[in-house]
């Protein structure tokens, strides 16, 4: 089925977006007056259409921090029947194209690091990097995806016109095998669910660290909420420590047949973009 991407800016389009948002998360959508104001004041809302129906969107607005203007990408939603088809990637690439055209050079957003689908898209496919970890970022959330757990989030940064100085293909099998250390493993229990097993980091000289998260965290959470909380607390402790010690999350790898995804961590000073170095 052919898909078309377009900028959303009319009341009718944004009303349709609100309906899709409510369908996806099961909560009240962002008010129309807010999305309309964003669309008319430097923000950007992109929709994906199939047969004239809105099936996905990405919603963003201007941000400012430490003297730097960026595009804050706050929300992306895709109708359930259109997930796992590459639509999220297409929406983000269209967002990047439009952001460059409007003069933005950085896009920042948050996501739950235990949601492997989002992690793989953001880090492995788009090339963004996880640079901060915010504990219980949005407080208590009651939507279908986030209820009953602290709303911890990665802040990721996507620099559109600069490139990292490290290895580009972090997920190469030989690179990971020869140069990485696994610091969080996923051990399969008798019931098939995965439990987190932290490993000692010590004074490692490894240039790459691997940290596992369940491939299907929503299903794990549905079956065992206590185990889901264990994953939240284990990844929180580890990721906060790694960031404090100068690491950033710069990639992700999924191996065929394995029930976990692994984040790839690199030294910040070996990976962050060099000013003025273009793609």
Protein backbone atom coordinates (compact mmCIF):
# COMPACT_ATOMS: atom_id res chain seq x y z
CA UNK A 1 0.00 0.00 0.00
CA UNK A 2 1.56 3.34 -1.06
CA UNK A 3 2.25 5.84 1.71
CA UNK A 4 2.60 9.61 1.43
CA UNK A 5 4.26 11.94 3.93
CA UNK A 6 3.17 15.54 4.36
CA UNK A 7 3.32 18.47 6.74
CA UNK A 8 0.30 18.74 9.04
CA UNK A 9 -0.84 22.29 9.75
CA UNK A 10 -4.62 22.62 9.28
CA UNK A 11 -7.27 22.19 11.96
CA UNK A 12 -8.69 19.23 10.07
CA UNK A 13 -5.31 17.46 9.83
CA UNK A 14 -4.46 18.06 13.47
CA UNK A 15 -7.88 16.84 14.59
CA UNK A 16 -7.17 13.61 12.73
CA UNK A 17 -3.78 13.41 14.46
CA UNK A 18 -5.49 13.79 17.86
CA UNK A 19 -7.79 10.88 17.07
CA UNK A 20 -4.83 8.67 16.11
CA UNK A 21 -2.90 9.74 19.22
CA UNK A 22 -5.85 8.77 21.43
CA UNK A 23 -6.16 5.42 19.65
CA UNK A 24 -2.47 4.60 20.15
CA UNK A 25 -1.99 5.62 23.79
CA UNK A 26 -5.51 5.38 25.16
CA UNK A 27 -5.32 8.81 26.83
CA UNK A 28 -6.44 12.35 26.05
CA UNK A 29 -4.40 13.77 23.13
CA UNK A 30 -2.39 16.99 23.07
CA UNK A 31 -4.97 19.80 22.83
CA UNK A 32 -5.68 21.08 19.33
CA UNK A 33 -4.85 24.67 20.28
CA UNK A 34 -1.37 23.50 21.33
CA UNK A 35 -0.55 21.49 18.19
CA UNK A 36 -1.91 24.25 15.98
CA UNK A 37 0.22 26.85 17.75
CA UNK A 38 3.30 24.64 17.39
CA UNK A 39 2.65 24.14 13.66
CA UNK A 40 2.48 27.90 13.10
CA UNK A 41 5.46 28.90 15.29
CA UNK A 42 8.57 27.08 14.14
CA UNK A 43 7.48 23.56 15.01
CA UNK A 44 6.96 20.69 12.65
CA UNK A 45 4.31 17.98 12.47
CA UNK A 46 4.63 15.34 9.74
CA UNK A 47 1.94 12.82 8.94
CA UNK A 48 1.92 9.56 7.01
CA UNK A 49 -1.16 8.73 4.93
CA UNK A 50 -2.40 5.48 3.44
CA UNK A 51 -5.50 5.59 1.21
CA UNK A 52 -6.25 9.05 2.53
CA UNK A 53 -6.14 7.99 6.19
CA UNK A 54 -3.57 9.22 8.73
CA UNK A 55 -1.61 6.18 9.97
CA UNK A 56 1.43 7.82 11.60
CA UNK A 57 2.87 11.14 12.71
CA UNK A 58 5.87 12.78 14.32
CA UNK A 59 5.36 15.93 16.39
CA UNK A 60 8.16 18.42 17.19
CA UNK A 61 8.77 22.00 18.26
CA UNK A 62 11.71 24.39 18.82
CA UNK A 63 14.01 23.84 21.77
CA UNK A 64 16.83 25.91 23.26
CA UNK A 65 19.61 24.82 25.62
CA UNK A 66 23.10 26.09 26.46
CA UNK A 67 22.93 28.72 23.74
CA UNK A 68 21.95 26.20 21.09
CA UNK A 69 18.67 25.98 19.16
CA UNK A 70 17.43 22.51 18.25
CA UNK A 71 14.28 20.72 17.20
CA UNK A 72 12.63 18.89 20.09
CA UNK A 73 10.92 15.79 18.70
CA UNK A 74 8.33 15.08 21.36
CA UNK A 75 6.11 12.32 20.00
CA UNK A 76 5.91 9.76 17.23
CA UNK A 77 2.90 7.50 16.83
CA UNK A 78 2.10 4.78 14.32
CA UNK A 79 -1.17 2.87 13.96
CA UNK A 80 -0.75 -0.72 15.15
CA UNK A 81 -1.38 -2.29 11.73
CA UNK A 82 1.43 -0.20 10.19
CA UNK A 83 4.18 -0.94 12.71
CA UNK A 84 7.35 -2.88 11.83
CA UNK A 85 7.16 -1.72 8.22
CA UNK A 86 9.85 0.95 8.34
CA UNK A 87 7.37 3.80 8.69
CA UNK A 88 9.05 5.21 11.79
CA UNK A 89 12.33 5.45 9.89
CA UNK A 90 10.64 7.21 6.97
CA UNK A 91 8.97 9.71 9.28
CA UNK A 92 12.24 10.52 11.04
CA UNK A 93 14.16 10.90 7.78
CA UNK A 94 11.47 13.24 6.46
CA UNK A 95 11.69 15.15 9.73
CA UNK A 96 15.46 15.48 9.33
CA UNK A 97 15.08 16.67 5.73
CA UNK A 98 12.55 19.31 6.69
CA UNK A 99 14.56 20.33 9.77
CA UNK A 100 17.65 21.01 7.64
CA UNK A 101 15.56 23.03 5.21
CA UNK A 102 14.29 25.19 8.07
CA UNK A 103 17.76 25.73 9.52
CA UNK A 104 17.81 23.21 12.36
CA UNK A 105 21.03 21.24 12.81
CA UNK A 106 20.18 19.14 15.87
CA UNK A 107 17.13 17.05 16.79
CA UNK A 108 16.72 15.85 20.37
CA UNK A 109 14.08 13.60 21.89
CA UNK A 110 13.39 11.14 24.70
CA UNK A 111 12.43 7.49 24.62
CA UNK A 112 12.17 4.58 27.04
CA UNK A 113 15.44 2.60 26.73
CA UNK A 114 13.57 -0.62 27.55
CA UNK A 115 11.51 -0.29 24.36
CA UNK A 116 13.87 -2.11 22.01
CA UNK A 117 11.97 -1.21 18.83
CA UNK A 118 12.55 2.48 19.53
CA UNK A 119 16.12 1.90 20.66
CA UNK A 120 17.05 0.08 17.48
CA UNK A 121 15.44 2.73 15.28
CA UNK A 122 17.00 5.66 17.13
CA UNK A 123 20.56 4.39 17.59
CA UNK A 124 21.16 1.67 15.00
CA UNK A 125 19.20 3.00 12.03
CA UNK A 126 19.16 6.78 12.48
CA UNK A 127 22.56 7.16 14.14
CA UNK A 128 21.40 9.25 17.11
CA UNK A 129 23.25 8.78 20.42
CA UNK A 130 22.01 8.45 23.99
CA UNK A 131 23.65 11.31 25.90
CA UNK A 132 21.56 11.65 29.08
CA UNK A 133 19.36 9.51 31.32
CA UNK A 134 16.42 11.08 33.16
CA UNK A 135 14.96 9.16 36.08
CA UNK A 136 11.14 9.14 36.11
CA UNK A 137 11.20 11.83 33.43
CA UNK A 138 7.45 12.43 33.14
CA UNK A 139 6.37 11.25 36.57
CA UNK A 140 3.50 8.78 36.81
CA UNK A 141 1.97 8.02 33.43
CA UNK A 142 -1.30 6.15 33.00
CA UNK A 143 -1.37 5.37 29.30
CA UNK A 144 -1.39 1.82 27.98
CA UNK A 145 2.35 1.75 27.27
CA UNK A 146 3.81 3.44 30.36
CA UNK A 147 1.50 2.70 33.29
CA UNK A 148 2.79 1.06 36.51
CA UNK A 149 6.51 1.79 36.01
CA UNK A 150 8.70 4.87 36.54
CA UNK A 151 8.90 6.83 33.28
CA UNK A 152 12.70 6.73 32.90
CA UNK A 153 13.97 8.07 29.58
CA UNK A 154 17.08 8.35 27.44
CA UNK A 155 17.69 11.75 25.89
CA UNK A 156 19.09 11.18 22.42
CA UNK A 157 20.77 13.67 20.16
CA UNK A 158 20.80 13.51 16.36
CA UNK A 159 23.30 15.91 14.81
CA UNK A 160 22.23 16.32 11.23
CA UNK A 161 25.35 17.87 9.67
CA UNK A 162 28.18 16.35 11.67
CA UNK A 163 29.48 12.84 11.92
CA UNK A 164 31.10 10.87 14.73
CA UNK A 165 34.82 10.15 14.71
CA UNK A 166 34.58 6.52 15.83
CA UNK A 167 33.78 3.31 13.99
CA UNK A 168 30.68 3.69 11.82
CA UNK A 169 29.58 0.06 11.73
CA UNK A 170 29.49 -0.74 15.43
CA UNK A 171 27.32 -3.80 14.93
CA UNK A 172 29.87 -5.75 12.87
CA UNK A 173 30.10 -9.20 14.43
CA UNK A 174 33.91 -9.34 14.50
CA UNK A 175 34.17 -5.86 15.99
CA UNK A 176 31.83 -6.72 18.85
CA UNK A 177 33.40 -10.11 19.46
CA UNK A 178 36.97 -8.87 19.61
CA UNK A 179 36.60 -5.49 21.30
CA UNK A 180 33.53 -5.53 23.55
CA UNK A 181 32.67 -6.40 27.13
CA UNK A 182 29.12 -7.38 28.15
CA UNK A 183 28.13 -5.48 31.30
CA UNK A 184 24.45 -6.46 31.45
CA UNK A 185 23.24 -9.87 30.33
CA UNK A 186 19.73 -11.25 29.83
CA UNK A 187 19.34 -14.67 31.46
CA UNK A 188 16.36 -16.76 30.41
CA UNK A 189 14.26 -18.18 33.25
CA UNK A 190 12.38 -21.47 33.18
CA UNK A 191 9.20 -19.65 32.12
CA UNK A 192 11.00 -18.10 29.14
CA UNK A 193 11.16 -14.57 30.54
CA UNK A 194 14.47 -12.75 30.78
CA UNK A 195 16.00 -11.44 33.98
CA UNK A 196 18.79 -8.84 34.14
CA UNK A 197 22.24 -10.03 35.23
CA UNK A 198 24.72 -7.16 35.79
CA UNK A 199 28.41 -7.92 35.32
CA UNK A 200 31.38 -6.17 36.89
CA UNK A 201 32.75 -3.32 34.82
CA UNK A 202 35.87 -2.61 36.84
CA UNK A 203 38.59 -0.61 35.10
CA UNK A 204 37.85 -2.05 31.69
CA UNK A 205 40.03 -1.16 28.73
CA UNK A 206 37.41 -2.42 26.27
CA UNK A 207 36.44 0.28 23.75
CA UNK A 208 32.87 -1.07 23.47
CA UNK A 209 30.43 -2.19 26.16
CA UNK A 210 27.26 -4.22 25.56
CA UNK A 211 24.12 -4.00 27.69
CA UNK A 212 21.11 -6.23 27.05
CA UNK A 213 17.43 -5.31 27.21
CA UNK A 214 14.49 -7.63 26.44
CA UNK A 215 13.42 -7.64 22.81
CA UNK A 216 9.75 -7.60 23.81
CA UNK A 217 9.58 -5.61 27.02
CA UNK A 218 5.82 -4.84 26.78
CA UNK A 219 5.05 -8.58 26.80
CA UNK A 220 7.45 -9.17 29.72
CA UNK A 221 5.80 -6.36 31.65
CA UNK A 222 2.35 -7.77 30.99
CA UNK A 223 3.37 -11.21 32.28
CA UNK A 224 5.51 -10.19 35.28
CA UNK A 225 5.35 -6.59 36.51
CA UNK A 226 7.88 -7.22 39.30
CA UNK A 227 10.40 -8.46 36.75
CA UNK A 228 9.73 -5.43 34.56
CA UNK A 229 10.53 -3.19 37.54
CA UNK A 230 13.72 -5.19 38.11
CA UNK A 231 14.76 -4.40 34.53
CA UNK A 232 13.93 -0.73 35.04
CA UNK A 233 16.07 -0.45 38.16
CA UNK A 234 18.96 -2.51 36.76
CA UNK A 235 19.21 -0.50 33.54
CA UNK A 236 18.76 2.77 35.43
CA UNK A 237 21.68 2.04 37.76
CA UNK A 238 23.95 0.86 34.94
CA UNK A 239 23.10 3.52 32.36
CA UNK A 240 23.42 6.36 34.85
CA UNK A 241 26.81 5.02 35.92
CA UNK A 242 28.07 4.63 32.36
CA UNK A 243 27.02 8.15 31.40
CA UNK A 244 28.66 9.56 34.55
CA UNK A 245 31.89 7.72 33.67
CA UNK A 246 32.07 9.16 30.17
CA UNK A 247 30.26 6.57 28.03
CA UNK A 248 27.40 7.20 25.59
CA UNK A 249 24.98 4.80 23.92
CA UNK A 250 25.95 4.92 20.24
CA UNK A 251 24.42 1.82 18.69
CA UNK A 252 22.30 -1.29 19.10
CA UNK A 253 22.48 -4.83 17.78
CA UNK A 254 19.86 -7.56 17.42
CA UNK A 255 21.05 -11.07 16.61
CA UNK A 256 18.76 -13.55 14.88
CA UNK A 257 17.11 -15.94 17.31
CA UNK A 258 18.13 -14.04 20.44
CA UNK A 259 15.37 -12.67 22.73
CA UNK A 260 17.41 -9.59 23.71
CA UNK A 261 18.78 -6.48 22.03
CA UNK A 262 22.17 -5.11 23.09
CA UNK A 263 23.00 -1.44 23.40
CA UNK A 264 26.53 -0.57 22.29
CA UNK A 265 28.34 1.93 24.51
CA UNK A 266 31.43 3.90 23.48
CA UNK A 267 33.66 6.50 25.12
CA UNK A 268 32.14 9.96 24.75
CA UNK A 269 35.44 11.64 23.89
CA UNK A 270 36.05 9.15 21.09
CA UNK A 271 32.65 9.46 19.47
CA UNK A 272 31.08 12.90 19.81
CA UNK A 273 31.02 14.92 16.56
CA UNK A 274 33.81 17.31 15.80
CA UNK A 275 32.60 20.84 15.16
CA UNK A 276 32.53 21.73 11.49
CA UNK A 277 33.05 18.18 10.24
CA UNK A 278 30.30 17.54 7.72
CA UNK A 279 28.65 14.41 6.49
